[in-house]
């Protein structure tokens, strides 16, 4: 069962749509093997976060017009938002013109899925503005063509992902509190996957579906990609050790990195840990809540704290 699509509501008398595009963390990521097409089969548990980019999508004359508040972010075909809008036009045959304003809060190339989430938000917004010509299955297929993580962001629920990440099963997870750390090092996802020693990874037990306790995350939080990224950047391994000393219930790396996370029982505990770490850590830091899929659309967009 694929997680349900987000439902965007058009406001009478308002031309555009505001869409929050959440980040994600990989709480669990196992690489099961390399496929003939060069991709890898994965098993991953992902949770969306209250940390989110924001899109405002407004119908306009034919064409795709993209603005972004962050310098250095592409505003044309190099941006997944632009690609998503183009593919929506091609798939539906509707030359829907769109002016898209993107406000970035999720660090780029951080392992948090910001670009994929923005692309999914674009598909949902254009589909709503066009009268929903694409149903869930067609949107999912379109999202897969844009990137392995894009289908996950069509919903707001935690999920277990298989295949290259496109086969999704909804999960129930608590609203964990995350302390997020990004030291700003550049990590190539392609390089990480190409550098994996797949034979050595076989010694790790694969998590059985349903045979894990969400209340005991330290027993199962795991990421195979750490075997490459932490070896290249030992400062990340040191930060993970520090998170344990600050009371994190579990800690790990999201995606191929470099963003690290610590799980804490409360907002206060996560913020206190961040404040204690801030003097020794010059990078990007934030506290965010894990989304459970039960939140109202507007009930989580302000639940992020920069430290």
Protein backbone atom coordinates (compact mmCIF):
# COMPACT_ATOMS: atom_id res chain seq x y z
CA UNK A 1 0.00 0.00 0.00
CA UNK A 2 1.53 3.29 -1.16
CA UNK A 3 1.24 6.20 1.30
CA UNK A 4 -1.65 8.53 0.40
CA UNK A 5 -1.00 11.64 -1.67
CA UNK A 6 -1.00 15.03 -0.03
CA UNK A 7 -4.18 16.94 -0.76
CA UNK A 8 -3.65 20.59 -1.67
CA UNK A 9 -6.61 22.90 -1.23
CA UNK A 10 -7.22 25.83 -3.53
CA UNK A 11 -8.36 29.00 -1.78
CA UNK A 12 -11.26 30.76 -3.53
CA UNK A 13 -10.16 34.08 -4.97
CA UNK A 14 -6.43 33.25 -4.62
CA UNK A 15 -4.64 32.45 -7.87
CA UNK A 16 -1.62 30.59 -6.50
CA UNK A 17 -0.80 27.75 -4.14
CA UNK A 18 1.57 27.76 -1.18
CA UNK A 19 3.20 24.37 -0.66
CA UNK A 20 5.50 23.32 2.18
CA UNK A 21 8.11 20.82 0.99
CA UNK A 22 9.50 18.86 3.95
CA UNK A 23 12.99 17.49 4.42
CA UNK A 24 13.50 13.82 5.34
CA UNK A 25 15.88 11.66 7.28
CA UNK A 26 16.86 8.08 6.58
CA UNK A 27 16.58 6.39 9.95
CA UNK A 28 17.55 3.09 8.39
CA UNK A 29 19.31 2.48 5.09
CA UNK A 30 20.59 -0.87 3.86
CA UNK A 31 22.13 -1.32 0.42
CA UNK A 32 21.15 -4.81 -0.71
CA UNK A 33 23.03 -5.00 -3.99
CA UNK A 34 23.86 -3.40 -7.31
CA UNK A 35 21.33 -3.70 -10.12
CA UNK A 36 22.14 -4.35 -13.80
CA UNK A 37 21.08 -0.77 -14.60
CA UNK A 38 23.75 0.62 -12.26
CA UNK A 39 21.36 1.62 -9.48
CA UNK A 40 21.25 -0.12 -6.11
CA UNK A 41 18.44 -1.99 -4.40
CA UNK A 42 17.73 -0.42 -1.02
CA UNK A 43 15.72 -0.94 2.12
CA UNK A 44 15.16 2.34 3.92
CA UNK A 45 12.97 3.83 6.63
CA UNK A 46 12.33 7.52 6.03
CA UNK A 47 10.53 10.15 8.06
CA UNK A 48 9.56 13.62 6.78
CA UNK A 49 10.48 16.61 8.93
CA UNK A 50 8.92 19.91 9.93
CA UNK A 51 11.96 21.58 8.33
CA UNK A 52 10.65 22.59 4.92
CA UNK A 53 11.25 24.63 1.81
CA UNK A 54 8.33 26.73 0.60
CA UNK A 55 6.90 26.99 -2.90
CA UNK A 56 4.42 29.55 -4.16
CA UNK A 57 3.10 28.39 -7.53
CA UNK A 58 1.01 30.86 -9.52
CA UNK A 59 -0.55 30.28 -12.96
CA UNK A 60 0.77 32.63 -15.62
CA UNK A 61 1.26 32.87 -19.38
CA UNK A 62 2.73 29.74 -21.03
CA UNK A 63 6.23 29.00 -19.79
CA UNK A 64 8.08 28.02 -16.64
CA UNK A 65 9.43 30.86 -14.55
CA UNK A 66 11.44 30.01 -11.43
CA UNK A 67 12.77 32.37 -8.78
CA UNK A 68 14.73 31.36 -5.69
CA UNK A 69 15.80 33.37 -2.67
CA UNK A 70 19.10 31.49 -2.29
CA UNK A 71 22.09 32.52 -4.44
CA UNK A 72 23.67 29.74 -6.43
CA UNK A 73 20.51 27.68 -6.85
CA UNK A 74 19.80 27.09 -10.59
CA UNK A 75 16.69 28.81 -11.95
CA UNK A 76 16.40 26.79 -15.14
CA UNK A 77 16.78 23.20 -16.38
CA UNK A 78 19.45 22.51 -13.75
CA UNK A 79 16.81 22.71 -11.01
CA UNK A 80 14.59 19.70 -10.31
CA UNK A 81 11.64 22.05 -9.78
CA UNK A 82 11.96 23.29 -13.35
CA UNK A 83 12.34 19.72 -14.62
CA UNK A 84 9.24 18.63 -12.68
CA UNK A 85 7.17 21.44 -14.22
CA UNK A 86 8.39 20.56 -17.73
CA UNK A 87 7.66 16.85 -17.27
CA UNK A 88 4.18 17.66 -15.95
CA UNK A 89 3.49 19.65 -19.12
CA UNK A 90 4.80 16.85 -21.33
CA UNK A 91 2.86 14.13 -19.53
CA UNK A 92 -0.48 15.94 -19.41
CA UNK A 93 -0.20 17.76 -22.73
CA UNK A 94 -1.24 20.89 -20.86
CA UNK A 95 0.96 23.90 -21.46
CA UNK A 96 0.26 25.19 -18.00
CA UNK A 97 2.28 28.33 -17.40
CA UNK A 98 3.66 28.67 -13.89
CA UNK A 99 5.57 31.26 -11.91
CA UNK A 100 7.29 29.34 -9.12
CA UNK A 101 8.87 31.08 -6.16
CA UNK A 102 11.15 28.83 -4.12
CA UNK A 103 12.24 29.76 -0.60
CA UNK A 104 15.01 27.45 0.55
CA UNK A 105 15.38 26.42 4.19
CA UNK A 106 16.73 22.90 3.62
CA UNK A 107 20.49 22.92 2.93
CA UNK A 108 21.34 21.86 -0.63
CA UNK A 109 23.17 18.56 -1.25
CA UNK A 110 22.77 17.63 2.41
CA UNK A 111 21.21 14.17 2.32
CA UNK A 112 17.88 15.67 3.44
CA UNK A 113 16.07 15.40 0.12
CA UNK A 114 15.37 19.09 -0.38
CA UNK A 115 15.51 19.07 -4.19
CA UNK A 116 13.38 15.94 -4.44
CA UNK A 117 10.81 17.40 -2.05
CA UNK A 118 10.64 20.63 -4.05
CA UNK A 119 10.04 18.60 -7.23
CA UNK A 120 7.23 16.62 -5.58
CA UNK A 121 5.64 19.83 -4.30
CA UNK A 122 5.76 21.25 -7.81
CA UNK A 123 3.97 18.21 -9.25
CA UNK A 124 1.27 18.37 -6.59
CA UNK A 125 0.73 22.11 -7.06
CA UNK A 126 0.55 22.00 -10.85
CA UNK A 127 -1.78 19.00 -10.73
CA UNK A 128 -4.11 20.83 -8.33
CA UNK A 129 -4.06 24.04 -10.36
CA UNK A 130 -4.78 22.10 -13.57
CA UNK A 131 -7.84 20.34 -12.11
CA UNK A 132 -6.05 17.09 -11.14
CA UNK A 133 -5.59 15.51 -14.59
CA UNK A 134 -3.15 12.97 -13.06
CA UNK A 135 -4.31 10.45 -10.49
CA UNK A 136 -2.06 8.95 -7.81
CA UNK A 137 -0.54 6.18 -9.95
CA UNK A 138 0.34 8.54 -12.80
CA UNK A 139 1.85 11.10 -10.42
CA UNK A 140 3.92 8.38 -8.77
CA UNK A 141 5.23 7.20 -12.15
CA UNK A 142 6.10 10.75 -13.13
CA UNK A 143 7.88 11.28 -9.80
CA UNK A 144 9.98 8.12 -10.22
CA UNK A 145 11.31 9.46 -13.51
CA UNK A 146 12.54 12.59 -11.74
CA UNK A 147 14.42 10.84 -8.92
CA UNK A 148 14.26 7.91 -6.52
CA UNK A 149 13.25 10.04 -3.50
CA UNK A 150 10.63 12.14 -5.27
CA UNK A 151 7.71 9.66 -4.85
CA UNK A 152 8.19 9.64 -1.07
CA UNK A 153 7.51 13.39 -0.91
CA UNK A 154 4.14 13.09 -2.64
CA UNK A 155 2.86 12.19 0.83
CA UNK A 156 3.54 13.33 4.39
CA UNK A 157 3.84 9.95 6.10
CA UNK A 158 6.85 7.94 7.26
CA UNK A 159 7.47 5.02 4.94
CA UNK A 160 9.63 2.00 4.25
CA UNK A 161 11.18 2.24 0.79
CA UNK A 162 12.39 -0.63 -1.38
CA UNK A 163 13.79 -0.99 -4.87
CA UNK A 164 15.69 2.19 -5.70
CA UNK A 165 13.39 3.92 -3.21
CA UNK A 166 10.24 4.03 -5.31
CA UNK A 167 8.35 1.12 -3.69
CA UNK A 168 6.77 2.62 -0.58
CA UNK A 169 4.88 1.16 2.35
CA UNK A 170 3.47 3.53 5.02
CA UNK A 171 4.76 3.18 8.59
CA UNK A 172 3.76 4.47 11.99
CA UNK A 173 6.56 6.38 13.72
CA UNK A 174 6.53 8.69 16.72
CA UNK A 175 7.08 12.41 16.28
CA UNK A 176 10.78 12.12 17.10
CA UNK A 177 12.66 15.32 17.85
CA UNK A 178 15.78 15.73 15.70
CA UNK A 179 18.89 17.79 16.23
CA UNK A 180 20.30 18.21 12.71
CA UNK A 181 23.96 19.06 12.03
CA UNK A 182 25.52 19.92 8.67
CA UNK A 183 29.22 20.84 8.71
CA UNK A 184 29.15 22.01 5.10
CA UNK A 185 31.47 19.42 3.53
CA UNK A 186 30.57 18.36 0.00
CA UNK A 187 29.70 14.70 -0.46
CA UNK A 188 29.08 13.15 -3.87
CA UNK A 189 26.23 10.64 -3.64
CA UNK A 190 27.47 8.90 -6.77
CA UNK A 191 30.97 8.56 -5.31
CA UNK A 192 29.59 7.13 -2.06
CA UNK A 193 27.64 4.40 -3.85
CA UNK A 194 30.51 3.60 -6.19
CA UNK A 195 32.84 3.25 -3.18
CA UNK A 196 30.68 0.81 -1.23
CA UNK A 197 32.12 -2.60 -0.36
CA UNK A 198 28.94 -4.57 -0.95
CA UNK A 199 30.42 -7.86 0.19
CA UNK A 200 31.35 -6.50 3.61
CA UNK A 201 27.86 -5.05 4.03
CA UNK A 202 26.31 -8.51 3.83
CA UNK A 203 27.32 -9.20 7.42
CA UNK A 204 24.74 -6.72 8.68
CA UNK A 205 21.32 -8.20 9.38
CA UNK A 206 18.50 -6.82 7.27
CA UNK A 207 15.69 -5.35 9.33
CA UNK A 208 12.60 -7.55 9.23
CA UNK A 209 9.39 -5.66 8.56
CA UNK A 210 7.50 -5.25 11.82
CA UNK A 211 10.33 -6.80 13.85
CA UNK A 212 11.60 -3.55 15.35
CA UNK A 213 10.47 -1.24 18.09
CA UNK A 214 9.92 2.45 17.22
CA UNK A 215 10.27 3.19 20.94
CA UNK A 216 13.85 1.84 20.95
CA UNK A 217 15.47 3.54 17.96
CA UNK A 218 19.03 2.87 19.13
CA UNK A 219 18.46 -0.83 18.42
CA UNK A 220 17.82 -0.38 14.70
CA UNK A 221 18.87 3.07 13.42
CA UNK A 222 21.57 2.30 10.81
CA UNK A 223 22.99 3.57 7.52
CA UNK A 224 25.28 1.48 5.30
CA UNK A 225 26.55 4.61 3.55
CA UNK A 226 28.32 5.69 6.73
CA UNK A 227 31.00 3.08 5.96
CA UNK A 228 32.17 5.33 3.11
CA UNK A 229 31.30 8.88 4.17
CA UNK A 230 32.58 8.69 7.76
CA UNK A 231 35.86 7.15 6.61
CA UNK A 232 36.43 10.03 4.20
CA UNK A 233 35.33 12.66 6.74
CA UNK A 234 36.34 11.52 10.24
CA UNK A 235 35.03 14.76 11.73
CA UNK A 236 31.52 13.41 11.04
CA UNK A 237 32.26 10.32 13.10
CA UNK A 238 33.46 12.55 15.93
CA UNK A 239 30.23 14.55 15.78
CA UNK A 240 28.20 11.36 16.06
CA UNK A 241 30.13 10.44 19.19
CA UNK A 242 29.45 13.89 20.59
CA UNK A 243 25.71 13.52 19.96
CA UNK A 244 25.73 10.35 22.05
CA UNK A 245 27.37 12.21 24.89
CA UNK A 246 24.70 14.90 24.72
CA UNK A 247 21.93 12.39 25.42
CA UNK A 248 20.72 11.43 21.95
CA UNK A 249 18.59 8.27 22.08
CA UNK A 250 19.94 7.33 18.66
CA UNK A 251 22.12 9.04 16.10
CA UNK A 252 23.07 8.60 12.49
CA UNK A 253 23.62 10.09 9.05
CA UNK A 254 20.86 10.89 6.56
CA UNK A 255 21.31 9.62 3.02
CA UNK A 256 24.89 9.87 1.81
CA UNK A 257 25.48 12.80 4.17
CA UNK A 258 26.86 15.05 5.29
CA UNK A 259 23.88 15.88 7.54
CA UNK A 260 23.88 14.04 10.87
CA UNK A 261 20.99 13.69 13.29
CA UNK A 262 20.41 12.90 16.92
CA UNK A 263 17.03 11.70 18.22
CA UNK A 264 15.81 13.26 21.44
CA UNK A 265 12.69 12.63 23.56
CA UNK A 266 11.59 16.28 23.70
CA UNK A 267 12.03 19.60 21.98
CA UNK A 268 13.72 20.98 25.10
CA UNK A 269 16.29 18.15 25.17
CA UNK A 270 17.14 18.62 21.49
CA UNK A 271 17.51 22.39 21.82
CA UNK A 272 19.63 22.06 24.96
CA UNK A 273 21.97 19.65 23.19
CA UNK A 274 22.27 22.06 20.27
CA UNK A 275 23.06 24.97 22.54
CA UNK A 276 25.76 22.97 24.31
CA UNK A 277 27.29 22.01 20.97
CA UNK A 278 27.04 25.39 19.28
CA UNK A 279 30.25 26.82 20.73
CA UNK A 280 32.33 24.03 19.16
CA UNK A 281 30.35 23.54 15.94
CA UNK A 282 30.41 26.34 13.33
CA UNK A 283 28.14 24.63 10.80
CA UNK A 284 24.41 24.68 10.08
CA UNK A 285 22.26 23.41 12.96
CA UNK A 286 18.51 23.07 13.48
CA UNK A 287 15.92 21.23 15.56
CA UNK A 288 12.91 19.77 13.77
CA UNK A 289 10.07 17.40 14.53
CA UNK A 290 9.48 14.17 12.66
CA UNK A 291 6.08 14.13 10.95
CA UNK A 292 3.75 11.21 11.62
CA UNK A 293 1.30 11.69 8.76
CA UNK A 294 -1.48 12.68 11.14
CA UNK A 295 -0.76 16.41 11.15
CA UNK A 296 -3.07 18.94 9.56
CA UNK A 297 -1.50 20.60 6.53
CA UNK A 298 -0.77 23.87 8.33
CA UNK A 299 0.05 22.44 11.76
CA UNK A 300 3.76 21.79 11.35
CA UNK A 301 5.36 24.38 9.09
CA UNK A 302 6.66 26.54 11.95
CA UNK A 303 8.02 23.70 14.10
CA UNK A 304 11.68 24.19 13.22
CA UNK A 305 14.21 26.00 15.39
CA UNK A 306 17.55 27.27 14.08
CA UNK A 307 20.34 27.24 16.64
